[in-house]
């Protein structure tokens, strides 16, 4: 399996405040990484750094054919293959569902129609404004907007946060399809480790902005005592 992402000696944060220290990890083509850790350990900062919206203090990021992703502004990182779904979702709330998708669509196998097939709720609401969607529907739209960029790496920052259980299940099925069946590489930050470990290949745990544990996702999922020690949660 060829390597897609390589992060070396990465330090980053906000302004002069350094949150991440000497991060190193890699991800293969089509693999999914579960990025875990307690609140405030640097998970979102790492996702944001890959997307290009933090201040990088050192290190390098290579993505596919782009050996110096860390030197690019955020809009060029999207063109290089980053698809980002932030916690805030960042949909265009004054545009319709369909306009949200077609405004950013790039050539490739993912288009608005395929997003509607994955999320029938969005197809039913394609003429609705972003402000007229529920939280779960906004999250589906945010995922769809990232997909129609036709990225090589999908970044999902707590995609299940605050959603009803039925929507959580629907999104988990979609994420499983995107990663397992479609083979799109992904990094997923989530507070429900067992749910994400079940659909991931690798797992990395952060604490105080550093990597404190890295393993196969299946191995970590089978070790509730390690999850308890690292995250304070066994299930």
Foldseek 3Di string as FASTA:
>chain_A
DAWFKWWAQWWWAADPDTQAGGATDTDHFLFEEEEEFAPSQCPLVVLVQLLADTGTDDTAMGGHPRGGSNVDHNVVSLVVFEQEQHPVLPFQQAAFLQCSFVVQADDDDQGPVVLCVLPVVCVVRRRPGNVPDDPLVSLSSSVSNSCRSVGQEYEEEASPPPDDPVSSVSVLVSVLCVRVVVSRYYYYYHPPLLSVLVSGQKYFYGGSNYTPDIDGSVVVLVCLVVCCVRHVGSD
